[in-house]
N, C-alpha and C. Protein backbone atom coordinates (compact mmCIF):
# COMPACT_ATOMS: atom_id res chain seq x y z
N MET A 1 -4.73 -85.99 -18.89
CA MET A 1 -4.13 -85.10 -19.55
C MET A 1 -2.96 -84.88 -18.30
N ASP A 2 -1.83 -84.69 -19.05
CA ASP A 2 -0.70 -84.24 -17.88
C ASP A 2 -0.37 -82.77 -18.10
N ILE A 3 0.49 -82.29 -17.11
CA ILE A 3 0.68 -80.93 -16.92
C ILE A 3 1.26 -80.42 -18.07
N GLN A 4 2.12 -81.08 -18.83
CA GLN A 4 2.83 -80.87 -20.11
C GLN A 4 2.11 -80.30 -21.08
N ALA A 5 0.80 -81.33 -21.40
CA ALA A 5 -0.02 -81.17 -22.24
C ALA A 5 -1.20 -79.81 -22.04
N LEU A 6 -1.33 -79.59 -20.75
CA LEU A 6 -1.93 -78.39 -20.37
C LEU A 6 -1.06 -77.20 -20.64
N ALA A 7 0.15 -77.43 -20.22
CA ALA A 7 0.96 -75.77 -20.54
C ALA A 7 1.13 -75.82 -22.21
N SER A 8 1.12 -76.65 -22.96
CA SER A 8 1.20 -76.38 -24.45
C SER A 8 0.02 -75.76 -24.76
N GLN A 9 -0.97 -75.67 -24.30
CA GLN A 9 -2.25 -75.07 -24.71
C GLN A 9 -2.44 -73.50 -24.24
N ILE A 10 -1.09 -73.15 -23.32
CA ILE A 10 -1.32 -71.67 -22.95
C ILE A 10 -0.93 -71.00 -24.12
N PRO A 11 -1.65 -69.61 -24.36
CA PRO A 11 -1.20 -69.04 -25.46
C PRO A 11 0.09 -68.37 -25.10
N GLU A 12 1.08 -67.86 -26.25
CA GLU A 12 2.29 -67.33 -26.12
C GLU A 12 2.02 -65.91 -26.02
N GLN A 13 3.03 -64.96 -25.59
CA GLN A 13 2.87 -63.60 -25.70
C GLN A 13 2.53 -63.22 -27.03
N GLY A 14 1.51 -62.32 -27.31
CA GLY A 14 1.30 -61.67 -28.38
C GLY A 14 0.22 -62.28 -29.29
N GLU A 15 -0.15 -63.70 -28.78
CA GLU A 15 -1.33 -64.26 -29.48
C GLU A 15 -2.68 -63.36 -29.18
N GLN A 16 -3.24 -63.33 -30.06
CA GLN A 16 -4.57 -62.51 -29.74
C GLN A 16 -5.99 -63.23 -29.34
N SER A 17 -6.01 -64.43 -29.64
CA SER A 17 -7.27 -65.00 -29.35
C SER A 17 -6.77 -66.59 -29.15
N LEU A 18 -7.66 -67.10 -28.51
CA LEU A 18 -8.06 -68.48 -27.90
C LEU A 18 -9.40 -68.98 -27.95
N GLU A 19 -9.73 -70.12 -28.91
CA GLU A 19 -11.06 -70.61 -28.99
C GLU A 19 -12.08 -69.26 -29.13
N GLY A 20 -11.86 -68.22 -29.87
CA GLY A 20 -12.65 -67.03 -30.03
C GLY A 20 -12.73 -66.23 -28.89
N ILE A 21 -12.04 -66.24 -27.95
CA ILE A 21 -11.98 -65.12 -26.87
C ILE A 21 -11.10 -63.99 -26.94
N ASP A 22 -11.35 -62.96 -27.31
CA ASP A 22 -10.21 -61.91 -27.44
C ASP A 22 -9.71 -61.73 -26.08
N PHE A 23 -8.15 -61.50 -26.25
CA PHE A 23 -7.48 -61.27 -25.09
C PHE A 23 -7.12 -59.66 -25.22
N ILE A 24 -7.05 -59.02 -24.11
CA ILE A 24 -6.59 -57.58 -24.11
C ILE A 24 -5.09 -57.78 -23.85
N THR A 25 -4.45 -57.07 -24.71
CA THR A 25 -3.10 -57.34 -24.88
C THR A 25 -2.40 -55.78 -24.49
N SER A 26 -3.32 -54.58 -24.70
CA SER A 26 -2.51 -53.32 -24.30
C SER A 26 -3.97 -52.39 -24.01
N GLY A 27 -3.69 -51.38 -23.52
CA GLY A 27 -4.82 -50.17 -23.64
C GLY A 27 -5.63 -50.52 -22.37
N ASP A 28 -6.48 -49.33 -22.62
CA ASP A 28 -7.78 -49.44 -21.40
C ASP A 28 -9.14 -49.72 -21.94
N GLN A 29 -9.95 -50.10 -21.12
CA GLN A 29 -11.44 -50.55 -21.45
C GLN A 29 -12.29 -49.64 -20.70
N TYR A 30 -13.26 -49.06 -21.62
CA TYR A 30 -14.46 -48.33 -21.12
C TYR A 30 -15.58 -48.84 -21.39
N LEU A 31 -16.66 -48.56 -20.46
CA LEU A 31 -17.93 -48.91 -20.69
C LEU A 31 -18.66 -47.71 -21.31
N THR A 32 -19.45 -47.79 -22.52
CA THR A 32 -20.11 -46.80 -23.18
C THR A 32 -21.62 -46.84 -22.81
N PHE A 33 -22.14 -45.74 -22.65
CA PHE A 33 -23.56 -45.52 -22.43
C PHE A 33 -24.07 -44.57 -23.22
N ILE A 34 -25.30 -44.33 -23.08
CA ILE A 34 -26.08 -43.30 -24.04
C ILE A 34 -26.99 -42.36 -23.20
N LEU A 35 -26.74 -41.19 -23.25
CA LEU A 35 -27.49 -40.08 -22.46
C LEU A 35 -28.10 -39.26 -23.41
N GLY A 36 -29.56 -39.37 -23.87
CA GLY A 36 -30.21 -38.45 -24.76
C GLY A 36 -29.48 -39.04 -26.02
N GLN A 37 -29.19 -38.11 -27.19
CA GLN A 37 -28.24 -38.55 -28.19
C GLN A 37 -26.84 -38.77 -28.21
N GLU A 38 -26.17 -38.91 -27.21
CA GLU A 38 -24.67 -38.78 -27.11
C GLU A 38 -24.21 -39.91 -26.49
N GLN A 39 -22.98 -40.46 -26.69
CA GLN A 39 -22.36 -41.37 -26.04
C GLN A 39 -21.56 -41.06 -25.22
N TYR A 40 -21.18 -41.42 -23.72
CA TYR A 40 -20.59 -41.37 -22.81
C TYR A 40 -19.62 -42.48 -22.38
N CYS A 41 -18.65 -42.46 -21.60
CA CYS A 41 -17.91 -43.70 -21.29
C CYS A 41 -16.99 -43.44 -19.71
N VAL A 42 -17.06 -44.66 -19.24
CA VAL A 42 -16.08 -44.44 -17.79
C VAL A 42 -15.35 -45.81 -17.83
N ASP A 43 -14.30 -45.53 -17.21
CA ASP A 43 -13.48 -46.57 -16.96
C ASP A 43 -14.14 -47.96 -16.40
N ILE A 44 -13.87 -48.94 -17.29
CA ILE A 44 -14.71 -50.00 -16.86
C ILE A 44 -14.25 -50.79 -15.43
N LEU A 45 -13.17 -50.37 -14.99
CA LEU A 45 -12.59 -51.21 -13.89
C LEU A 45 -13.15 -50.62 -12.48
N CYS A 46 -13.90 -49.72 -12.82
CA CYS A 46 -14.94 -48.94 -11.72
C CYS A 46 -16.19 -49.40 -11.75
N VAL A 47 -16.61 -50.37 -12.65
CA VAL A 47 -17.83 -50.63 -12.99
C VAL A 47 -18.19 -52.14 -11.80
N GLU A 48 -19.06 -51.66 -11.16
CA GLU A 48 -19.33 -53.03 -10.07
C GLU A 48 -20.44 -53.71 -10.79
N GLU A 49 -21.49 -53.21 -11.05
CA GLU A 49 -22.45 -53.96 -11.73
C GLU A 49 -23.30 -53.31 -12.67
N ILE A 50 -23.91 -53.96 -13.40
CA ILE A 50 -25.30 -52.89 -14.27
C ILE A 50 -26.30 -53.60 -13.93
N ARG A 51 -27.48 -52.88 -13.44
CA ARG A 51 -28.60 -53.22 -13.16
C ARG A 51 -29.80 -52.54 -13.82
N SER A 52 -30.93 -53.33 -13.87
CA SER A 52 -32.19 -52.65 -14.63
C SER A 52 -32.74 -51.76 -13.78
N TRP A 53 -33.53 -50.94 -14.23
CA TRP A 53 -34.01 -49.66 -13.63
C TRP A 53 -35.03 -50.33 -12.49
N GLU A 54 -35.12 -49.73 -11.40
CA GLU A 54 -36.21 -49.96 -10.39
C GLU A 54 -36.15 -48.88 -9.33
N ASN A 55 -37.42 -48.63 -8.96
CA ASN A 55 -37.61 -47.39 -8.06
C ASN A 55 -36.72 -47.36 -6.88
N PRO A 56 -36.03 -46.53 -6.74
CA PRO A 56 -35.01 -46.58 -5.35
C PRO A 56 -36.03 -45.93 -4.24
N THR A 57 -35.64 -46.26 -3.32
CA THR A 57 -36.08 -45.41 -1.96
C THR A 57 -36.03 -44.20 -1.93
N LYS A 58 -36.69 -43.08 -1.72
CA LYS A 58 -36.74 -41.74 -1.79
C LYS A 58 -35.89 -41.32 -0.52
N ILE A 59 -35.18 -40.18 -0.74
CA ILE A 59 -34.38 -39.36 0.31
C ILE A 59 -35.03 -38.14 0.66
N PRO A 60 -35.63 -37.77 1.66
CA PRO A 60 -36.26 -36.48 1.75
C PRO A 60 -35.34 -35.45 1.89
N ASN A 61 -35.71 -34.30 0.78
CA ASN A 61 -34.99 -32.97 0.79
C ASN A 61 -33.47 -33.33 -0.03
N ALA A 62 -33.29 -34.41 -0.96
CA ALA A 62 -32.46 -34.42 -1.48
C ALA A 62 -32.54 -33.79 -2.90
N PRO A 63 -31.35 -33.51 -3.68
CA PRO A 63 -31.64 -32.80 -4.68
C PRO A 63 -32.38 -33.52 -5.84
N LEU A 64 -32.89 -32.89 -7.04
CA LEU A 64 -33.90 -33.68 -7.80
C LEU A 64 -33.11 -34.91 -8.67
N HIS A 65 -31.67 -34.70 -8.72
CA HIS A 65 -31.09 -35.64 -9.44
C HIS A 65 -30.74 -36.88 -8.84
N VAL A 66 -30.85 -36.88 -7.39
CA VAL A 66 -30.66 -37.87 -6.57
C VAL A 66 -31.99 -38.71 -6.43
N LYS A 67 -32.00 -39.65 -7.08
CA LYS A 67 -33.41 -40.59 -7.06
C LYS A 67 -33.72 -41.14 -5.93
N GLY A 68 -32.75 -41.83 -4.92
CA GLY A 68 -32.87 -42.37 -3.58
C GLY A 68 -31.95 -43.21 -3.51
N VAL A 69 -32.09 -44.12 -2.65
CA VAL A 69 -31.09 -45.22 -2.50
C VAL A 69 -31.75 -46.79 -2.64
N ILE A 70 -30.81 -47.65 -3.16
CA ILE A 70 -31.02 -48.85 -3.03
C ILE A 70 -30.16 -50.00 -2.21
N ASN A 71 -30.81 -51.11 -1.75
CA ASN A 71 -29.62 -51.91 -0.82
C ASN A 71 -29.29 -52.97 -1.70
N MET A 72 -27.96 -53.02 -2.04
CA MET A 72 -27.07 -53.91 -2.71
C MET A 72 -26.28 -54.54 -2.34
N ARG A 73 -27.01 -55.95 -1.55
CA ARG A 73 -26.27 -56.97 -1.06
C ARG A 73 -25.50 -56.38 0.47
N GLY A 74 -26.24 -55.62 0.93
CA GLY A 74 -25.98 -55.02 2.46
C GLY A 74 -25.43 -53.83 2.26
N ILE A 75 -25.10 -53.01 1.10
CA ILE A 75 -24.36 -51.85 0.96
C ILE A 75 -25.51 -50.92 0.39
N ILE A 76 -25.87 -49.53 0.97
CA ILE A 76 -26.77 -48.86 0.65
C ILE A 76 -26.23 -48.07 -0.66
N VAL A 77 -26.80 -47.80 -1.56
CA VAL A 77 -25.99 -47.09 -2.72
C VAL A 77 -27.05 -46.23 -3.36
N PRO A 78 -26.64 -44.84 -3.34
CA PRO A 78 -27.47 -43.62 -3.73
C PRO A 78 -27.46 -43.96 -5.27
N ILE A 79 -28.38 -43.35 -5.93
CA ILE A 79 -29.03 -43.39 -7.10
C ILE A 79 -29.13 -42.17 -7.88
N ILE A 80 -28.15 -41.82 -8.76
CA ILE A 80 -28.32 -40.37 -9.40
C ILE A 80 -28.27 -40.45 -10.61
N ASP A 81 -29.23 -39.84 -11.22
CA ASP A 81 -29.86 -39.89 -12.54
C ASP A 81 -28.99 -38.73 -13.47
N LEU A 82 -28.16 -39.34 -14.15
CA LEU A 82 -27.13 -38.59 -14.83
C LEU A 82 -27.68 -37.31 -15.85
N ARG A 83 -28.94 -37.96 -16.66
CA ARG A 83 -29.70 -37.11 -17.42
C ARG A 83 -29.87 -35.82 -16.60
N GLN A 84 -30.83 -36.07 -15.49
CA GLN A 84 -31.18 -34.84 -14.84
C GLN A 84 -30.06 -34.29 -14.19
N LYS A 85 -28.97 -34.62 -13.87
CA LYS A 85 -27.77 -34.10 -12.95
C LYS A 85 -27.14 -32.95 -14.22
N PHE A 86 -27.07 -33.45 -15.67
CA PHE A 86 -26.42 -32.66 -16.66
C PHE A 86 -27.73 -32.06 -17.34
N LYS A 87 -28.64 -32.04 -16.92
CA LYS A 87 -30.14 -31.31 -17.59
C LYS A 87 -30.00 -31.72 -19.24
N ILE A 88 -29.85 -32.84 -19.47
CA ILE A 88 -29.98 -33.45 -20.95
C ILE A 88 -31.27 -33.92 -21.15
N GLY A 89 -32.32 -33.30 -21.88
CA GLY A 89 -33.10 -33.72 -22.55
C GLY A 89 -34.33 -34.20 -21.34
N GLU A 90 -35.36 -34.77 -21.97
CA GLU A 90 -36.49 -35.31 -21.03
C GLU A 90 -36.24 -36.17 -20.30
N LEU A 91 -36.64 -36.77 -19.20
CA LEU A 91 -36.72 -37.97 -18.48
C LEU A 91 -37.54 -38.75 -18.70
N ILE A 92 -36.95 -39.82 -19.49
CA ILE A 92 -37.98 -40.87 -19.87
C ILE A 92 -37.31 -42.50 -19.25
N TYR A 93 -37.96 -43.09 -18.38
CA TYR A 93 -37.69 -44.42 -18.08
C TYR A 93 -38.20 -45.50 -18.71
N CYS A 94 -37.39 -46.21 -19.41
CA CYS A 94 -37.98 -47.47 -20.62
C CYS A 94 -37.17 -48.63 -20.22
N ASP A 95 -37.35 -49.90 -21.23
CA ASP A 95 -36.82 -51.06 -21.00
C ASP A 95 -35.37 -50.99 -21.13
N THR A 96 -34.65 -50.06 -21.65
CA THR A 96 -33.33 -49.71 -21.77
C THR A 96 -32.52 -48.99 -20.57
N THR A 97 -33.31 -48.28 -19.92
CA THR A 97 -32.87 -47.79 -18.83
C THR A 97 -32.41 -48.55 -17.97
N VAL A 98 -30.86 -48.43 -17.61
CA VAL A 98 -30.28 -49.24 -16.39
C VAL A 98 -29.44 -48.15 -15.57
N VAL A 99 -29.15 -48.85 -14.22
CA VAL A 99 -28.29 -48.11 -13.60
C VAL A 99 -26.95 -48.71 -13.59
N ILE A 100 -26.01 -47.92 -14.00
CA ILE A 100 -24.56 -48.54 -13.60
C ILE A 100 -23.90 -48.02 -12.50
N VAL A 101 -23.47 -49.08 -11.49
CA VAL A 101 -23.09 -49.08 -10.43
C VAL A 101 -21.63 -48.90 -10.55
N LEU A 102 -20.88 -47.81 -9.75
CA LEU A 102 -19.56 -47.81 -10.09
C LEU A 102 -18.94 -47.82 -8.25
N THR A 103 -17.86 -48.10 -8.45
CA THR A 103 -17.23 -48.04 -6.97
C THR A 103 -15.81 -47.57 -7.23
N VAL A 104 -15.32 -46.69 -6.36
CA VAL A 104 -14.03 -45.94 -6.61
C VAL A 104 -13.51 -46.05 -5.09
N GLU A 105 -12.23 -46.43 -5.14
CA GLU A 105 -11.47 -46.47 -3.88
C GLU A 105 -10.48 -45.26 -4.06
N THR A 106 -10.46 -44.19 -2.95
CA THR A 106 -9.69 -43.39 -2.67
C THR A 106 -9.48 -43.05 -1.24
N ASP A 107 -7.85 -42.86 -0.86
CA ASP A 107 -7.63 -42.78 0.27
C ASP A 107 -8.17 -43.70 1.48
N ALA A 108 -8.08 -44.90 1.03
CA ALA A 108 -8.79 -45.97 1.92
C ALA A 108 -10.05 -45.96 2.20
N LYS A 109 -10.77 -45.06 1.50
CA LYS A 109 -12.39 -45.21 1.51
C LYS A 109 -12.81 -45.62 0.18
N LYS A 110 -14.13 -46.50 0.21
CA LYS A 110 -14.55 -47.18 -0.87
C LYS A 110 -15.77 -46.46 -0.91
N ARG A 111 -16.45 -45.83 -2.32
CA ARG A 111 -17.46 -45.32 -2.52
C ARG A 111 -18.09 -46.19 -3.47
N THR A 112 -19.49 -46.22 -3.40
CA THR A 112 -20.45 -46.73 -4.22
C THR A 112 -21.52 -46.03 -4.86
N ILE A 113 -21.67 -45.78 -5.93
CA ILE A 113 -22.65 -44.74 -6.32
C ILE A 113 -23.44 -45.48 -7.64
N GLY A 114 -24.72 -45.37 -7.70
CA GLY A 114 -25.24 -45.84 -9.15
C GLY A 114 -25.78 -44.65 -9.88
N PHE A 115 -25.57 -44.65 -11.29
CA PHE A 115 -25.87 -43.96 -12.27
C PHE A 115 -27.14 -44.35 -13.16
N VAL A 116 -27.99 -43.62 -13.32
CA VAL A 116 -29.28 -44.10 -14.28
C VAL A 116 -28.63 -43.50 -15.68
N VAL A 117 -28.62 -44.44 -16.56
CA VAL A 117 -28.54 -43.79 -17.87
C VAL A 117 -29.49 -44.34 -18.89
N ASP A 118 -29.63 -43.94 -20.28
CA ASP A 118 -30.54 -44.30 -20.93
C ASP A 118 -30.28 -45.73 -21.42
N ALA A 119 -29.33 -46.29 -22.04
CA ALA A 119 -29.04 -47.73 -22.18
C ALA A 119 -27.36 -47.88 -21.84
N VAL A 120 -26.95 -49.10 -21.98
CA VAL A 120 -25.30 -49.28 -22.21
C VAL A 120 -25.15 -49.65 -23.59
N SER A 121 -24.19 -49.14 -24.09
CA SER A 121 -23.95 -49.53 -25.33
C SER A 121 -22.61 -50.29 -25.61
N ASP A 122 -21.72 -50.28 -25.21
CA ASP A 122 -20.63 -51.19 -25.78
C ASP A 122 -19.42 -50.99 -24.70
N VAL A 123 -18.38 -51.81 -25.04
CA VAL A 123 -17.03 -52.01 -24.21
C VAL A 123 -16.17 -51.35 -25.50
N LEU A 124 -15.30 -50.19 -25.03
CA LEU A 124 -14.60 -49.50 -26.02
C LEU A 124 -13.17 -49.82 -25.47
N ASN A 125 -12.12 -50.19 -26.31
CA ASN A 125 -10.46 -50.63 -25.92
C ASN A 125 -10.07 -49.35 -26.88
N ALA A 126 -9.26 -48.70 -25.74
CA ALA A 126 -8.57 -47.30 -26.26
C ALA A 126 -7.02 -47.27 -25.30
N GLU A 127 -6.13 -46.90 -26.19
CA GLU A 127 -4.82 -46.54 -25.75
C GLU A 127 -5.10 -44.99 -25.14
N GLN A 128 -4.24 -44.87 -24.03
CA GLN A 128 -4.21 -43.64 -23.31
C GLN A 128 -3.93 -42.45 -24.16
N ASN A 129 -2.97 -42.42 -25.29
CA ASN A 129 -2.82 -41.52 -26.02
C ASN A 129 -3.86 -41.37 -27.26
N GLU A 130 -4.98 -42.04 -27.27
CA GLU A 130 -5.96 -41.74 -27.97
C GLU A 130 -7.22 -40.85 -27.32
N VAL A 131 -7.07 -40.71 -26.01
CA VAL A 131 -7.92 -39.82 -25.25
C VAL A 131 -7.38 -38.34 -25.40
N LYS A 132 -8.17 -37.39 -26.00
CA LYS A 132 -8.07 -36.03 -26.27
C LYS A 132 -8.18 -35.26 -25.18
N SER A 133 -7.84 -34.27 -25.05
CA SER A 133 -8.20 -33.25 -23.97
C SER A 133 -9.61 -32.52 -24.60
N ALA A 134 -10.45 -32.57 -23.63
CA ALA A 134 -11.80 -31.77 -23.97
C ALA A 134 -11.81 -30.48 -23.93
N PRO A 135 -12.16 -29.65 -25.07
CA PRO A 135 -12.04 -28.15 -25.15
C PRO A 135 -13.02 -27.47 -24.16
N ALA A 136 -12.87 -26.58 -23.67
CA ALA A 136 -13.56 -25.66 -22.64
C ALA A 136 -14.59 -24.68 -23.41
N PHE A 137 -15.65 -25.43 -24.02
CA PHE A 137 -16.64 -24.47 -24.69
C PHE A 137 -17.97 -24.60 -24.08
N GLY A 138 -18.04 -24.79 -22.60
CA GLY A 138 -19.09 -24.59 -21.86
C GLY A 138 -20.46 -25.50 -22.38
N GLY A 139 -20.23 -26.56 -22.76
CA GLY A 139 -21.42 -27.52 -23.07
C GLY A 139 -22.33 -27.99 -21.73
N CYS A 140 -23.02 -28.95 -21.93
CA CYS A 140 -24.12 -29.06 -20.96
C CYS A 140 -23.21 -29.82 -19.65
N ILE A 141 -22.29 -30.36 -19.61
CA ILE A 141 -21.81 -31.18 -18.63
C ILE A 141 -20.33 -30.26 -18.13
N PRO A 142 -20.51 -29.74 -17.12
CA PRO A 142 -19.51 -29.11 -16.39
C PRO A 142 -17.93 -29.79 -16.80
N GLN A 143 -16.95 -29.08 -17.05
CA GLN A 143 -15.54 -29.31 -17.45
C GLN A 143 -14.71 -30.51 -16.58
N ASN A 144 -15.17 -30.03 -15.11
CA ASN A 144 -14.40 -31.11 -14.25
C ASN A 144 -15.15 -32.80 -14.13
N TYR A 145 -16.03 -32.61 -14.96
CA TYR A 145 -16.57 -33.96 -14.91
C TYR A 145 -16.12 -34.80 -16.37
N ILE A 146 -15.27 -33.94 -17.11
CA ILE A 146 -14.87 -34.59 -18.31
C ILE A 146 -13.31 -34.88 -18.01
N ASP A 147 -12.83 -36.18 -18.47
CA ASP A 147 -11.77 -36.71 -18.46
C ASP A 147 -11.00 -36.46 -19.87
N GLY A 148 -11.68 -36.69 -20.84
CA GLY A 148 -11.40 -36.30 -22.24
C GLY A 148 -12.38 -36.82 -23.46
N LEU A 149 -11.92 -37.02 -24.60
CA LEU A 149 -13.05 -37.07 -25.73
C LEU A 149 -12.18 -38.37 -26.53
N LEU A 150 -12.91 -39.38 -26.81
CA LEU A 150 -12.38 -40.54 -27.80
C LEU A 150 -13.09 -40.57 -29.34
N ASN A 151 -12.26 -40.52 -30.12
CA ASN A 151 -12.70 -40.71 -31.43
C ASN A 151 -13.23 -42.14 -31.75
N VAL A 152 -14.43 -42.61 -32.08
CA VAL A 152 -14.75 -44.01 -32.53
C VAL A 152 -15.59 -43.83 -33.85
N GLY A 153 -14.64 -44.37 -34.61
CA GLY A 153 -15.32 -44.15 -36.08
C GLY A 153 -15.82 -42.49 -36.43
N ASP A 154 -16.96 -42.38 -36.69
CA ASP A 154 -17.11 -40.89 -37.14
C ASP A 154 -17.97 -40.33 -35.80
N LYS A 155 -17.93 -41.04 -34.52
CA LYS A 155 -18.42 -40.28 -33.32
C LYS A 155 -17.56 -40.03 -32.60
N VAL A 156 -17.83 -38.99 -31.51
CA VAL A 156 -16.84 -38.75 -30.45
C VAL A 156 -17.46 -39.19 -29.14
N VAL A 157 -16.94 -39.92 -28.15
CA VAL A 157 -17.54 -40.27 -27.16
C VAL A 157 -16.50 -39.48 -25.96
N THR A 158 -17.48 -39.31 -24.96
CA THR A 158 -17.00 -38.36 -24.02
C THR A 158 -16.67 -39.44 -22.77
N LEU A 159 -15.48 -38.99 -22.24
CA LEU A 159 -14.88 -40.01 -21.19
C LEU A 159 -15.12 -39.07 -19.83
N LEU A 160 -15.93 -39.69 -19.12
CA LEU A 160 -16.28 -38.96 -17.64
C LEU A 160 -15.46 -39.34 -16.57
N ASN A 161 -15.15 -38.32 -15.56
CA ASN A 161 -14.16 -38.63 -14.68
C ASN A 161 -15.15 -39.11 -13.60
N VAL A 162 -14.63 -40.57 -13.25
CA VAL A 162 -15.48 -41.37 -12.22
C VAL A 162 -15.58 -40.74 -10.97
N ASN A 163 -14.35 -40.05 -10.51
CA ASN A 163 -14.03 -39.41 -8.91
C ASN A 163 -14.87 -38.34 -9.06
N ALA A 164 -15.03 -37.37 -10.12
CA ALA A 164 -15.70 -36.28 -9.90
C ALA A 164 -17.30 -36.75 -9.90
N LEU A 165 -17.74 -37.68 -10.45
CA LEU A 165 -19.33 -38.26 -10.56
C LEU A 165 -19.53 -38.59 -9.23
N GLN A 166 -18.29 -39.12 -8.21
CA GLN A 166 -18.99 -39.56 -6.87
C GLN A 166 -19.35 -38.55 -6.06
N VAL A 167 -18.80 -37.15 -6.44
CA VAL A 167 -19.14 -36.30 -5.42
C VAL A 167 -20.74 -35.81 -5.33
N ILE A 168 -21.62 -35.95 -4.76
CA ILE A 168 -22.87 -35.45 -4.62
C ILE A 168 -23.05 -34.22 -3.85
N GLU A 169 -23.59 -33.16 -4.68
CA GLU A 169 -23.75 -32.05 -4.19
C GLU A 169 -24.89 -31.79 -3.46
N LEU A 170 -25.17 -32.22 -2.18
CA LEU A 170 -26.39 -31.95 -1.42
C LEU A 170 -26.67 -30.78 -1.27
N HIS A 171 -26.07 -29.72 -1.18
CA HIS A 171 -26.40 -28.19 -0.72
C HIS A 171 -27.16 -27.62 -1.94
N LYS A 172 -27.13 -28.26 -3.28
CA LYS A 172 -28.05 -27.91 -4.31
C LYS A 172 -29.27 -28.47 -4.44
N LEU A 173 -30.34 -27.62 -4.32
CA LEU A 173 -31.84 -28.34 -4.39
C LEU A 173 -32.32 -27.65 -5.69
N SER A 174 -31.71 -28.45 -6.89
CA SER A 174 -32.25 -28.10 -8.02
C SER A 174 -33.43 -28.82 -8.58
């Protein structure tokens, strides 16, 4: 096959799919996951990987929500249980429990932390104007961890602030 034949197979701007694969034409993508009975999401560009639950190496005198650390290809990754950090229901680790590993780069620093969640749900596409401000009504998650709310059908998904999640409060022994 020559180069002209290959070039004719490239989709034109505005085409939505090629052989069953959907192309993202606009908007942002968020990885949704479940904590308790609620759905939350984070920017998918920060997701390094999703791992099955494994007991991490404990860290002495760490807060209870810091489960320990794992070695991920030579990187020491702290593991935080979001259900315990936000005091959402009973801690149960089962087959659907996973660790979402997020990496954020700020000010020439790269920080990787894993977050234990009950289950990964879906990938959500949304325009920036679809993200609504979260009302300050004193829920179980402090306001600084919330970037906004997204309506998905008849449900509301809470968009979490990845930069705020990256801060481990070592001074709190809860």
